[in-house]
Amino acid sequence: MTVAEARFSAHQRLGIALESKGDYEGALAAYQTALNIAEAQSQKDPNNVDGQKEILSAHLHHADALIARGDNDAALAELRQALTLGESLSRREPDHRYLQESVALAHVSIAMQLLAQKDAAQAAKRGAARY
């Protein structure tokens, strides 16, 4: 494991721990640091699929914390980035289980966020009609 991979992993684990305790701001900061580390490494070696997988993982974790914080628009943006990257990586490694699961998770999470937004919009319309 390289130093950058260890730093990425440490920040990712820190984000998971902070998110589990309800510290979404701290988790988001840790996930952003992990993403920055992975993206910096990816710029040095754009063909490193493992580095791209780290970026994918960071986007998915970042989206989870945004959803927990209630920032659905930002979460959708993260999920869409994860989906685009996951689909690209899946074309390169079609039998890779983590990539298949990540793409499926991104699809489901996007659908759930869009449904939540639609429900919220419908609830707002109903509420406005009552008053």
Protein backbone atom coordinates (compact mmCIF):
# COMPACT_ATOMS: atom_id res chain seq x y z
CA MET A 1 0.00 0.00 0.00
CA THR A 2 1.36 3.40 -0.95
CA VAL A 3 1.34 6.39 1.38
CA ALA A 4 -1.41 8.01 -0.71
CA GLU A 5 -3.53 4.86 -0.55
CA ALA A 6 -3.08 4.73 3.22
CA ARG A 7 -4.04 8.40 3.56
CA PHE A 8 -7.09 7.86 1.34
CA SER A 9 -8.16 4.85 3.40
CA ALA A 10 -7.65 6.67 6.70
CA HIS A 11 -9.78 9.64 5.63
CA GLN A 12 -12.44 7.37 4.19
CA ARG A 13 -12.63 5.38 7.45
CA LEU A 14 -12.69 8.62 9.45
CA GLY A 15 -15.62 9.83 7.36
CA ILE A 16 -17.49 6.58 7.96
CA ALA A 17 -16.90 6.83 11.72
CA LEU A 18 -17.97 10.48 11.87
CA GLU A 19 -21.05 9.84 9.77
CA SER A 20 -22.10 6.95 12.03
CA LYS A 21 -21.97 9.37 14.98
CA GLY A 22 -24.10 11.94 13.16
CA ASP A 23 -21.24 14.36 12.49
CA TYR A 24 -22.13 14.94 8.86
CA GLU A 25 -20.01 18.06 8.45
CA GLY A 26 -16.94 16.23 9.76
CA ALA A 27 -17.73 13.22 7.59
CA LEU A 28 -18.11 15.42 4.50
CA ALA A 29 -14.75 17.06 5.20
CA ALA A 30 -13.07 13.66 5.61
CA TYR A 31 -14.69 12.30 2.43
CA GLN A 32 -13.66 15.42 0.52
CA THR A 33 -10.07 14.97 1.67
CA ALA A 34 -10.18 11.33 0.58
CA LEU A 35 -11.58 12.39 -2.79
CA ASN A 36 -8.87 15.03 -3.20
CA ILE A 37 -6.17 12.46 -2.44
CA ALA A 38 -7.62 9.95 -4.91
CA GLU A 39 -8.03 12.57 -7.64
CA ALA A 40 -4.47 13.82 -7.16
CA GLN A 41 -3.17 10.26 -7.51
CA SER A 42 -5.37 9.70 -10.54
CA GLN A 43 -3.90 12.74 -12.26
CA LYS A 44 -0.45 11.25 -11.81
CA ASP A 45 -1.59 7.91 -13.29
CA PRO A 46 -4.91 8.26 -15.17
CA ASN A 47 -4.84 4.61 -16.26
CA ASN A 48 -4.76 3.31 -12.68
CA VAL A 49 -8.15 1.63 -12.35
CA ASP A 50 -7.70 1.12 -8.59
CA GLY A 51 -7.29 4.87 -8.17
CA GLN A 52 -10.47 5.43 -10.16
CA LYS A 53 -12.27 2.97 -7.88
CA GLU A 54 -11.16 5.06 -4.90
CA ILE A 55 -12.69 8.13 -6.54
CA LEU A 56 -15.91 6.18 -7.12
CA SER A 57 -15.99 5.08 -3.49
CA ALA A 58 -15.37 8.62 -2.27
CA HIS A 59 -18.25 9.97 -4.38
CA LEU A 60 -20.63 7.32 -3.03
CA HIS A 61 -19.65 7.98 0.59
CA HIS A 62 -19.83 11.73 0.07
CA ALA A 63 -23.35 11.31 -1.36
CA ASP A 64 -24.41 9.23 1.66
CA ALA A 65 -23.36 11.97 4.06
CA LEU A 66 -25.09 14.63 1.95
CA ILE A 67 -28.30 12.57 1.96
CA ALA A 68 -28.07 12.13 5.74
CA ARG A 69 -27.60 15.89 6.09
CA GLY A 70 -30.61 16.50 3.85
CA ASP A 71 -28.74 18.10 0.96
CA ASN A 72 -30.45 16.14 -1.81
CA ASP A 73 -29.36 18.34 -4.73
CA ALA A 74 -25.68 18.03 -3.86
CA ALA A 75 -26.17 14.31 -3.20
CA LEU A 76 -27.69 13.86 -6.65
CA ALA A 77 -24.69 15.59 -8.22
CA GLU A 78 -22.30 13.26 -6.36
CA LEU A 79 -24.36 10.22 -7.30
CA ARG A 80 -24.40 11.21 -10.94
CA GLN A 81 -20.61 11.59 -10.91
CA ALA A 82 -20.31 8.19 -9.26
CA LEU A 83 -22.64 6.65 -11.82
CA THR A 84 -20.74 8.10 -14.77
CA LEU A 85 -17.41 6.92 -13.40
CA GLY A 86 -18.77 3.52 -12.35
CA GLU A 87 -20.26 2.86 -15.77
CA SER A 88 -17.00 3.87 -17.46
CA LEU A 89 -14.99 1.56 -15.20
CA SER A 90 -17.51 -1.26 -15.68
CA ARG A 91 -16.94 -1.13 -19.41
CA ARG A 92 -13.22 -1.67 -18.76
CA GLU A 93 -13.79 -4.40 -16.18
CA PRO A 94 -17.25 -5.86 -16.89
CA ASP A 95 -16.88 -8.77 -14.44
CA HIS A 96 -15.75 -6.71 -11.46
CA ARG A 97 -18.34 -7.22 -8.74
CA TYR A 98 -17.60 -4.01 -6.77
CA LEU A 99 -18.10 -1.95 -9.91
CA GLN A 100 -21.37 -3.69 -10.76
CA GLU A 101 -22.63 -3.16 -7.21
CA SER A 102 -21.53 0.48 -7.19
CA VAL A 103 -23.32 1.21 -10.45
CA ALA A 104 -26.47 -0.48 -9.16
CA LEU A 105 -26.23 1.44 -5.87
CA ALA A 106 -25.83 4.74 -7.73
CA HIS A 107 -28.88 3.98 -9.90
CA VAL A 108 -31.03 3.07 -6.89
CA SER A 109 -29.83 6.04 -4.84
CA ILE A 110 -30.52 8.47 -7.69
CA ALA A 111 -34.00 7.02 -8.13
CA MET A 112 -34.71 7.30 -4.40
CA GLN A 113 -33.53 10.92 -4.29
CA LEU A 114 -35.65 11.83 -7.31
CA LEU A 115 -38.66 10.15 -5.74
CA ALA A 116 -38.04 11.98 -2.47
CA GLN A 117 -37.88 15.29 -4.33
CA LYS A 118 -41.08 14.51 -6.21
CA ASP A 119 -42.83 13.58 -2.95
CA ALA A 120 -41.57 16.76 -1.31
CA ALA A 121 -42.77 18.85 -4.25
CA GLN A 122 -46.17 17.14 -4.17
CA ALA A 123 -46.40 17.63 -0.40
CA ALA A 124 -45.58 21.33 -0.80
CA LYS A 125 -48.31 21.67 -3.45
CA ARG A 126 -50.83 19.93 -1.20
CA GLY A 127 -49.84 22.06 1.74
CA ALA A 128 -50.13 25.30 -0.25
CA ALA A 129 -53.55 24.25 -1.53
CA ARG A 130 -54.81 23.85 2.03
CA TYR A 131 -53.95 27.39 3.13
